[in-house]
C-alpha atoms as a PDB file:
ATOM      1  CA  MET A   1      16.647  19.099 -14.882  1.00  0.00           C
ATOM      2  CA  ASN A   2      13.485  20.863 -13.777  1.00  0.00           C
ATOM      3  CA  LYS A   3      12.874  19.364 -10.357  1.00  0.00           C
ATOM      4  CA  GLU A   4       9.624  21.304 -10.003  1.00  0.00           C
ATOM      5  CA  ARG A   5       7.961  18.838 -12.371  1.00  0.00           C
ATOM      6  CA  LYS A   6       9.165  15.698 -10.616  1.00  0.00           C
ATOM      7  CA  ILE A   7       6.956  13.567  -8.397  1.00  0.00           C
ATOM      8  CA  VAL A   8       7.929  10.784  -5.980  1.00  0.00           C
ATOM      9  CA  PHE A   9       5.635   8.124  -4.491  1.00  0.00           C
ATOM     10  CA  PHE A  10       6.644   6.334  -1.294  1.00  0.00           C
ATOM     11  CA  ASP A  11       5.315   3.049   0.038  1.00  0.00           C
ATOM     12  CA  ILE A  12       4.975   2.986   3.838  1.00  0.00           C
ATOM     13  CA  ASP A  13       5.739  -0.388   5.458  1.00  0.00           C
ATOM     14  CA  GLY A  14       9.287  -1.470   4.678  1.00  0.00           C
ATOM     15  CA  THR A  15       9.947   1.790   2.845  1.00  0.00           C
ATOM     16  CA  LEU A  16       9.175   4.854   4.956  1.00  0.00           C
ATOM     17  CA  LEU A  17       8.927   2.690   8.086  1.00  0.00           C
ATOM     18  CA  ASP A  18      11.442   0.075   9.181  1.00  0.00           C
ATOM     19  CA  HIS A  19      10.717  -3.374  10.606  1.00  0.00           C
ATOM     20  CA  ASP A  20       9.811  -1.827  13.968  1.00  0.00           C
ATOM     21  CA  LYS A  21       7.403   0.641  12.268  1.00  0.00           C
ATOM     22  CA  LYS A  22       9.691   3.573  12.964  1.00  0.00           C
ATOM     23  CA  MET A  23      10.687   6.250  10.482  1.00  0.00           C
ATOM     24  CA  PRO A  24      14.424   7.037  10.433  1.00  0.00           C
ATOM     25  CA  ASP A  25      15.395  10.652  11.019  1.00  0.00           C
ATOM     26  CA  SER A  26      17.274  10.592   7.717  1.00  0.00           C
ATOM     27  CA  THR A  27      14.017   9.743   5.928  1.00  0.00           C
ATOM     28  CA  LYS A  28      12.140  12.620   7.566  1.00  0.00           C
ATOM     29  CA  LYS A  29      14.870  15.080   6.618  1.00  0.00           C
ATOM     30  CA  ALA A  30      15.170  13.707   3.075  1.00  0.00           C
ATOM     31  CA  ILE A  31      11.456  14.210   2.429  1.00  0.00           C
ATOM     32  CA  LYS A  32      11.567  17.741   3.833  1.00  0.00           C
ATOM     33  CA  ASP A  33      14.563  18.545   1.637  1.00  0.00           C
ATOM     34  CA  LEU A  34      12.809  17.002  -1.359  1.00  0.00           C
ATOM     35  CA  LYS A  35       9.754  19.195  -0.834  1.00  0.00           C
ATOM     36  CA  ASP A  36      11.960  22.258  -0.307  1.00  0.00           C
ATOM     37  CA  LYS A  37      13.449  21.607  -3.755  1.00  0.00           C
ATOM     38  CA  GLY A  38       9.971  21.716  -5.284  1.00  0.00           C
ATOM     39  CA  VAL A  39       9.566  17.979  -5.860  1.00  0.00           C
ATOM     40  CA  TYR A  40       5.973  16.774  -5.419  1.00  0.00           C
ATOM     41  CA  VAL A  41       5.778  14.089  -2.717  1.00  0.00           C
ATOM     42  CA  ALA A  42       2.999  11.496  -2.378  1.00  0.00           C
ATOM     43  CA  ILE A  43       2.338   8.176  -0.640  1.00  0.00           C
ATOM     44  CA  ALA A  44       1.343   4.882  -2.294  1.00  0.00           C
ATOM     45  CA  THR A  45       0.350   2.182   0.190  1.00  0.00           C
ATOM     46  CA  GLY A  46      -1.830  -0.818   0.813  1.00  0.00           C
ATOM     47  CA  ARG A  47      -2.994   0.779   4.059  1.00  0.00           C
ATOM     48  CA  ALA A  48      -6.381   2.448   4.382  1.00  0.00           C
ATOM     49  CA  PRO A  49      -6.286   6.254   4.908  1.00  0.00           C
ATOM     50  CA  PHE A  50      -7.080   6.147   8.635  1.00  0.00           C
ATOM     51  CA  HIS A  51      -4.101   3.852   9.211  1.00  0.00           C
ATOM     52  CA  PHE A  52      -1.514   6.424   8.140  1.00  0.00           C
ATOM     53  CA  GLU A  53      -3.044   9.760   9.041  1.00  0.00           C
ATOM     54  CA  ASP A  54      -0.263  10.384  11.548  1.00  0.00           C
ATOM     55  CA  ILE A  55       2.386   9.813   8.882  1.00  0.00           C
ATOM     56  CA  ARG A  56       0.691  12.225   6.480  1.00  0.00           C
ATOM     57  CA  GLU A  57       0.505  14.871   9.180  1.00  0.00           C
ATOM     58  CA  GLU A  58       4.121  14.425  10.219  1.00  0.00           C
ATOM     59  CA  LEU A  59       5.418  14.655   6.646  1.00  0.00           C
ATOM     60  CA  GLY A  60       2.925  17.253   5.421  1.00  0.00           C
ATOM     61  CA  ILE A  61       1.568  15.039   2.634  1.00  0.00           C
ATOM     62  CA  ASP A  62      -2.031  15.283   1.418  1.00  0.00           C
ATOM     63  CA  THR A  63      -1.827  13.322  -1.840  1.00  0.00           C
ATOM     64  CA  TYR A  64      -1.876   9.555  -1.693  1.00  0.00           C
ATOM     65  CA  VAL A  65      -2.775   6.231  -3.219  1.00  0.00           C
ATOM     66  CA  SER A  66      -4.264   3.998  -0.517  1.00  0.00           C
ATOM     67  CA  CYS A  67      -5.883   0.552  -0.357  1.00  0.00           C
ATOM     68  CA  ASN A  68      -3.552  -0.704  -3.112  1.00  0.00           C
ATOM     69  CA  GLY A  69      -5.040   1.778  -5.571  1.00  0.00           C
ATOM     70  CA  GLY A  70      -8.609   1.493  -4.359  1.00  0.00           C
ATOM     71  CA  TYR A  71      -8.883   4.961  -2.805  1.00  0.00           C
ATOM     72  CA  VAL A  72      -6.923   7.875  -4.265  1.00  0.00           C
ATOM     73  CA  VAL A  73      -6.738  11.395  -2.859  1.00  0.00           C
ATOM     74  CA  LEU A  74      -5.211  14.477  -4.467  1.00  0.00           C
ATOM     75  CA  GLU A  75      -4.529  17.358  -2.101  1.00  0.00           C
ATOM     76  CA  GLY A  76      -7.293  16.261   0.250  1.00  0.00           C
ATOM     77  CA  LYS A  77      -9.909  15.479  -2.410  1.00  0.00           C
ATOM     78  CA  VAL A  78     -10.936  11.998  -3.576  1.00  0.00           C
ATOM     79  CA  ILE A  79     -10.251  11.604  -7.302  1.00  0.00           C
ATOM     80  CA  TYR A  80     -10.645   7.845  -7.731  1.00  0.00           C
ATOM     81  CA  LYS A  81     -12.106   4.924  -5.828  1.00  0.00           C
ATOM     82  CA  SER A  82     -12.705   1.269  -6.634  1.00  0.00           C
ATOM     83  CA  ILE A  83     -15.403  -0.439  -4.582  1.00  0.00           C
ATOM     84  CA  LEU A  84     -14.991  -4.180  -4.078  1.00  0.00           C
ATOM     85  CA  PRO A  85     -18.176  -5.920  -5.322  1.00  0.00           C
ATOM     86  CA  THR A  86     -20.276  -7.180  -2.408  1.00  0.00           C
ATOM     87  CA  GLU A  87     -21.451 -10.345  -4.169  1.00  0.00           C
ATOM     88  CA  ASP A  88     -17.909 -11.369  -5.088  1.00  0.00           C
ATOM     89  CA  LEU A  89     -16.663 -10.690  -1.568  1.00  0.00           C
ATOM     90  CA  ARG A  90     -19.556 -12.717  -0.178  1.00  0.00           C
ATOM     91  CA  ALA A  91     -18.487 -15.709  -2.278  1.00  0.00           C
ATOM     92  CA  ILE A  92     -14.950 -15.510  -0.876  1.00  0.00           C
ATOM     93  CA  GLU A  93     -16.302 -15.059   2.643  1.00  0.00           C
ATOM     94  CA  ASN A  94     -18.528 -18.140   2.335  1.00  0.00           C
ATOM     95  CA  LEU A  95     -15.500 -20.184   1.295  1.00  0.00           C
ATOM     96  CA  ALA A  96     -13.326 -18.714   4.065  1.00  0.00           C
ATOM     97  CA  MET A  97     -15.912 -19.391   6.755  1.00  0.00           C
ATOM     98  CA  LYS A  98     -15.707 -23.122   6.037  1.00  0.00           C
ATOM     99  CA  SER A  99     -12.113 -22.999   7.302  1.00  0.00           C
ATOM    100  CA  GLN A 100     -12.745 -20.283   9.899  1.00  0.00           C
ATOM    101  CA  HIS A 101     -10.441 -17.879   8.073  1.00  0.00           C
ATOM    102  CA  PRO A 102     -11.382 -14.320   9.074  1.00  0.00           C
ATOM    103  CA  ILE A 103     -11.626 -11.427   6.623  1.00  0.00           C
ATOM    104  CA  ILE A 104     -10.908  -7.831   7.587  1.00  0.00           C
ATOM    105  CA  TYR A 105     -12.932  -5.285   5.616  1.00  0.00           C
ATOM    106  CA  LEU A 106     -11.791  -1.677   5.277  1.00  0.00           C
ATOM    107  CA  ASN A 107     -13.156   1.554   3.916  1.00  0.00           C
ATOM    108  CA  HIS A 108     -11.547   4.993   4.143  1.00  0.00           C
ATOM    109  CA  GLN A 109     -12.655   5.607   7.740  1.00  0.00           C
ATOM    110  CA  ASP A 110     -12.926   2.292   9.569  1.00  0.00           C
ATOM    111  CA  PHE A 111     -12.360  -1.459   9.518  1.00  0.00           C
ATOM    112  CA  LYS A 112     -14.116  -4.493  10.942  1.00  0.00           C
ATOM    113  CA  VAL A 113     -13.597  -8.255  11.015  1.00  0.00           C
ATOM    114  CA  ASN A 114     -16.153 -11.013  10.427  1.00  0.00           C
ATOM    115  CA  ILE A 115     -14.802 -13.516  12.999  1.00  0.00           C
ATOM    116  CA  GLU A 116     -14.251 -12.439  16.577  1.00  0.00           C
ATOM    117  CA  GLY A 117     -11.055 -13.011  18.560  1.00  0.00           C
ATOM    118  CA  HIS A 118      -9.012 -14.816  15.909  1.00  0.00           C
ATOM    119  CA  PRO A 119      -5.251 -15.113  16.648  1.00  0.00           C
ATOM    120  CA  ALA A 120      -4.263 -14.491  13.002  1.00  0.00           C
ATOM    121  CA  VAL A 121      -5.936 -11.080  13.092  1.00  0.00           C
ATOM    122  CA  GLU A 122      -4.231 -10.278  16.379  1.00  0.00           C
ATOM    123  CA  LYS A 123      -0.836 -11.267  14.974  1.00  0.00           C
ATOM    124  CA  CYS A 124      -0.896  -9.311  11.719  1.00  0.00           C
ATOM    125  CA  MET A 125      -2.282  -6.169  13.354  1.00  0.00           C
ATOM    126  CA  ALA A 126       0.267  -6.399  16.170  1.00  0.00           C
ATOM    127  CA  ASP A 127       3.100  -6.626  13.642  1.00  0.00           C
ATOM    128  CA  LEU A 128       1.800  -3.466  11.969  1.00  0.00           C
ATOM    129  CA  LYS A 129       1.596  -1.796  15.399  1.00  0.00           C
ATOM    130  CA  LEU A 130      -2.114  -1.195  14.773  1.00  0.00           C
ATOM    131  CA  SER A 131      -5.183  -1.812  16.899  1.00  0.00           C
ATOM    132  CA  GLU A 132      -7.361  -4.817  16.101  1.00  0.00           C
ATOM    133  CA  PRO A 133     -10.615  -4.343  14.191  1.00  0.00           C
ATOM    134  CA  LEU A 134     -13.849  -4.803  16.075  1.00  0.00           C
ATOM    135  CA  TYR A 135     -16.213  -7.620  15.190  1.00  0.00           C
ATOM    136  CA  ASP A 136     -19.060  -6.695  12.843  1.00  0.00           C
ATOM    137  CA  PRO A 137     -20.451  -9.418  10.532  1.00  0.00           C
ATOM    138  CA  ASN A 138     -22.546  -6.842   8.628  1.00  0.00           C
ATOM    139  CA  PHE A 139     -19.870  -4.234   7.905  1.00  0.00           C
ATOM    140  CA  MET A 140     -19.088  -5.552   4.441  1.00  0.00           C
ATOM    141  CA  SER A 141     -22.701  -5.538   3.258  1.00  0.00           C
ATOM    142  CA  GLN A 142     -23.492  -2.106   4.717  1.00  0.00           C
ATOM    143  CA  ASN A 143     -20.455  -0.099   3.546  1.00  0.00           C
ATOM    144  CA  GLU A 144     -18.366   0.650   0.492  1.00  0.00           C
ATOM    145  CA  ILE A 145     -15.309  -1.604   0.818  1.00  0.00           C
ATOM    146  CA  TYR A 146     -12.035  -0.508  -0.756  1.00  0.00           C
ATOM    147  CA  HIS A 147      -9.715  -3.111   0.751  1.00  0.00           C
ATOM    148  CA  ALA A 148     -10.036  -6.584   2.227  1.00  0.00           C
ATOM    149  CA  ILE A 149      -7.541  -8.811   4.044  1.00  0.00           C
ATOM    150  CA  LEU A 150      -7.894 -12.583   4.238  1.00  0.00           C
ATOM    151  CA  CYS A 151      -6.186 -14.167   7.237  1.00  0.00           C
ATOM    152  CA  CYS A 152      -4.723 -17.621   6.643  1.00  0.00           C
ATOM    153  CA  GLN A 153      -1.343 -19.301   6.563  1.00  0.00           C
ATOM    154  CA  LYS A 154       0.574 -19.895   3.331  1.00  0.00           C
ATOM    155  CA  GLU A 155      -0.153 -23.616   3.288  1.00  0.00           C
ATOM    156  CA  GLU A 156      -3.879 -22.821   3.481  1.00  0.00           C
ATOM    157  CA  GLU A 157      -4.060 -20.277   0.655  1.00  0.00           C
ATOM    158  CA  ALA A 158      -4.320 -22.649  -2.328  1.00  0.00           C
ATOM    159  CA  ILE A 159      -8.093 -23.035  -2.017  1.00  0.00           C
ATOM    160  CA  TYR A 160      -8.531 -19.344  -2.857  1.00  0.00           C
ATOM    161  CA  MET A 161      -6.024 -18.808  -5.633  1.00  0.00           C
ATOM    162  CA  ASN A 162      -8.005 -20.123  -8.581  1.00  0.00           C
ATOM    163  CA  ARG A 163     -11.533 -19.786  -7.216  1.00  0.00           C
ATOM    164  CA  SER A 164     -12.168 -16.210  -8.314  1.00  0.00           C
ATOM    165  CA  GLU A 165     -11.962 -14.613 -11.743  1.00  0.00           C
ATOM    166  CA  ASP A 166     -12.324 -11.177 -10.174  1.00  0.00           C
ATOM    167  CA  PHE A 167      -9.585 -11.035  -7.519  1.00  0.00           C
ATOM    168  CA  VAL A 168      -5.897 -11.712  -6.987  1.00  0.00           C
ATOM    169  CA  PHE A 169      -4.489 -12.601  -3.559  1.00  0.00           C
ATOM    170  CA  LEU A 170      -1.170 -11.043  -2.528  1.00  0.00           C
ATOM    171  CA  ARG A 171       0.587 -12.226   0.601  1.00  0.00           C
ATOM    172  CA  TRP A 172       2.177  -9.507   2.739  1.00  0.00           C
ATOM    173  CA  HIS A 173       2.337 -11.339   6.073  1.00  0.00           C
ATOM    174  CA  GLU A 174       2.724 -14.923   7.264  1.00  0.00           C
ATOM    175  CA  GLN A 175      -0.924 -14.757   8.370  1.00  0.00           C
ATOM    176  CA  ALA A 176      -2.478 -12.414   5.788  1.00  0.00           C
ATOM    177  CA  LEU A 177      -3.268 -11.852   2.117  1.00  0.00           C
ATOM    178  CA  ASP A 178      -4.627  -8.757   0.417  1.00  0.00           C
ATOM    179  CA  ILE A 179      -7.737  -9.365  -1.714  1.00  0.00           C
ATOM    180  CA  ILE A 180      -7.314  -7.115  -4.753  1.00  0.00           C
ATOM    181  CA  PRO A 181      -9.584  -6.758  -7.803  1.00  0.00           C
ATOM    182  CA  LYS A 182      -7.829  -7.883 -10.973  1.00  0.00           C
ATOM    183  CA  GLY A 183      -6.445  -4.883 -12.823  1.00  0.00           C
ATOM    184  CA  LEU A 184      -6.237  -2.740  -9.693  1.00  0.00           C
ATOM    185  CA  SER A 185      -2.867  -1.739  -8.256  1.00  0.00           C
ATOM    186  CA  LYS A 186      -0.960   1.215  -6.912  1.00  0.00           C
ATOM    187  CA  ALA A 187      -0.035   1.954 -10.525  1.00  0.00           C
ATOM    188  CA  LYS A 188      -3.704   2.611 -11.310  1.00  0.00           C
ATOM    189  CA  GLY A 189      -3.859   5.221  -8.571  1.00  0.00           C
ATOM    190  CA  ILE A 190      -0.572   6.804  -9.615  1.00  0.00           C
ATOM    191  CA  GLU A 191      -1.859   7.076 -13.172  1.00  0.00           C
ATOM    192  CA  ALA A 192      -4.908   8.999 -11.902  1.00  0.00           C
ATOM    193  CA  ILE A 193      -2.717  11.420  -9.931  1.00  0.00           C
ATOM    194  CA  LEU A 194      -0.315  12.021 -12.824  1.00  0.00           C
ATOM    195  CA  LYS A 195      -3.232  12.775 -15.126  1.00  0.00           C
ATOM    196  CA  ALA A 196      -4.849  15.161 -12.652  1.00  0.00           C
ATOM    197  CA  LEU A 197      -1.575  17.040 -12.094  1.00  0.00           C
ATOM    198  CA  SER A 198      -0.526  16.930 -15.780  1.00  0.00           C
ATOM    199  CA  TYR A 199       2.752  15.246 -14.884  1.00  0.00           C
ATOM    200  CA  GLU A 200       4.558  13.106 -17.417  1.00  0.00           C
ATOM    201  CA  ARG A 201       5.107   9.471 -16.532  1.00  0.00           C
ATOM    202  CA  LYS A 202       8.851   9.777 -17.198  1.00  0.00           C
ATOM    203  CA  ASP A 203       9.079  12.336 -14.402  1.00  0.00           C
ATOM    204  CA  SER A 204       7.587  10.015 -11.783  1.00  0.00           C
ATOM    205  CA  TYR A 205       9.554   7.982  -9.241  1.00  0.00           C
ATOM    206  CA  ALA A 206       8.512   5.359  -6.704  1.00  0.00           C
ATOM    207  CA  PHE A 207      10.103   3.569  -3.746  1.00  0.00           C
ATOM    208  CA  GLY A 208       8.801   0.184  -2.568  1.00  0.00           C
ATOM    209  CA  ASP A 209       9.662  -3.184  -1.092  1.00  0.00           C
ATOM    210  CA  GLY A 210       6.824  -5.717  -1.493  1.00  0.00           C
ATOM    211  CA  HIS A 211       4.591  -7.735  -3.827  1.00  0.00           C
ATOM    212  CA  ASN A 212       2.052  -4.931  -4.093  1.00  0.00           C
ATOM    213  CA  ASP A 213       4.760  -2.577  -5.385  1.00  0.00           C
ATOM    214  CA  MET A 214       5.505  -4.600  -8.544  1.00  0.00           C
ATOM    215  CA  GLU A 215       3.161  -2.751 -10.897  1.00  0.00           C
ATOM    216  CA  MET A 216       4.055   0.592  -9.344  1.00  0.00           C
ATOM    217  CA  LEU A 217       7.795   0.251  -9.927  1.00  0.00           C
ATOM    218  CA  GLU A 218       7.192  -0.951 -13.482  1.00  0.00           C
ATOM    219  CA  PHE A 219       4.774   1.882 -14.250  1.00  0.00           C
ATOM    220  CA  VAL A 220       6.695   4.942 -13.033  1.00  0.00           C
ATOM    221  CA  GLY A 221       9.565   6.502 -14.935  1.00  0.00           C
ATOM    222  CA  THR A 222      12.073   5.364 -12.308  1.00  0.00           C
ATOM    223  CA  GLY A 223      11.444   2.589  -9.807  1.00  0.00           C
ATOM    224  CA  ILE A 224      13.638   2.204  -6.728  1.00  0.00           C
ATOM    225  CA  ALA A 225      13.558  -0.957  -4.607  1.00  0.00           C
ATOM    226  CA  MET A 226      14.611  -0.835  -0.973  1.00  0.00           C
ATOM    227  CA  GLY A 227      17.569  -2.932   0.120  1.00  0.00           C
ATOM    228  CA  ASN A 228      15.132  -4.973   2.244  1.00  0.00           C
ATOM    229  CA  ALA A 229      12.793  -5.522  -0.733  1.00  0.00           C
ATOM    230  CA  LEU A 230      11.754  -8.869  -2.167  1.00  0.00           C
ATOM    231  CA  ALA A 231      14.254 -10.282  -4.659  1.00  0.00           C
ATOM    232  CA  GLU A 232      11.572 -10.276  -7.379  1.00  0.00           C
ATOM    233  CA  LEU A 233      10.940  -6.565  -6.868  1.00  0.00           C
ATOM    234  CA  LYS A 234      14.630  -5.723  -7.102  1.00  0.00           C
ATOM    235  CA  LEU A 235      14.623  -7.301 -10.570  1.00  0.00           C
ATOM    236  CA  LYS A 236      11.796  -4.977 -11.619  1.00  0.00           C
ATOM    237  CA  ALA A 237      13.481  -1.836 -10.277  1.00  0.00           C
ATOM    238  CA  ASN A 238      15.717   0.597 -12.134  1.00  0.00           C
ATOM    239  CA  PHE A 239      17.755   1.049  -8.971  1.00  0.00           C
ATOM    240  CA  VAL A 240      18.200  -0.689  -5.622  1.00  0.00           C
ATOM    241  CA  THR A 241      19.020   1.399  -2.571  1.00  0.00           C
ATOM    242  CA  GLU A 242      19.976   0.458   0.988  1.00  0.00           C
ATOM    243  CA  GLN A 243      17.598  -0.866   3.645  1.00  0.00           C
ATOM    244  CA  VAL A 244      15.202   1.510   5.375  1.00  0.00           C
ATOM    245  CA  SER A 245      17.239   1.511   8.577  1.00  0.00           C
ATOM    246  CA  LYS A 246      20.467   2.228   6.660  1.00  0.00           C
ATOM    247  CA  ASP A 247      19.293   5.560   5.205  1.00  0.00           C
ATOM    248  CA  GLY A 248      17.797   3.835   2.178  1.00  0.00           C
ATOM    249  CA  ILE A 249      15.428   6.680   1.263  1.00  0.00           C
ATOM    250  CA  LEU A 250      18.075   9.379   1.531  1.00  0.00           C
ATOM    251  CA  LEU A 251      20.633   7.364  -0.443  1.00  0.00           C
ATOM    252  CA  GLY A 252      18.067   6.352  -3.043  1.00  0.00           C
ATOM    253  CA  LEU A 253      17.038   9.966  -3.657  1.00  0.00           C
ATOM    254  CA  LYS A 254      20.699  10.892  -4.050  1.00  0.00           C
ATOM    255  CA  LYS A 255      21.231   7.977  -6.423  1.00  0.00           C
ATOM    256  CA  VAL A 256      18.540   9.276  -8.780  1.00  0.00           C
ATOM    257  CA  ALA A 257      19.807  12.869  -8.402  1.00  0.00           C
ATOM    258  CA  LEU A 258      16.696  14.252  -6.705  1.00  0.00           C
ATOM    259  CA  LEU A 259      18.785  15.364  -3.719  1.00  0.00           C
END
């Protein structure tokens, strides 16, 4: 097996990071060992680039799929981006404002929220161990938006599910849903990277744990679900490894013979 032509994509939350947003030492060492063996290492996350810059620096990774496929970077250069249509976002925002459900808008450098001081925003950002976005009702209309987060509880989400032909809503937190253009996913970003690097799909691997990893694990040659992953994702995966905190990355890489 020619490991020099293998590539592995790692999700962040629930995959590289545990529930407390800490990266196990075994994960750090496994990724270093993987790179030392000549395996190409990349990140595939729902986070915007500025929300995982520290992780990229620590692991020495400069290729990534961010914003659920909306902003893709290869070795420091943008190779693909999908801008969320302003008019379509405005329609969702108008509906959300009737229920005072805030929306967080993100580009590659910053994020803002359209309702100030909302407890749902505070809660989901606190659980990610991230600072809260500042209030700016004009951010969406004045910037390219690659990712949006709607804050509402599960019992309140039904009003959005069938109101848009352009977006899907994926829940990742008790208080938050990702707003994703239909047809966009981490898999779309991975496809762009594989094409740019001339890697074959069969030589690609991915580790993930959540709803937004479904397409990714189905698309790559080998999909590995974390032990803490959703049950539905485990059914999509070729392999299931241990939980993050139980050396899941290290054991998963060994299971697929990359280490």
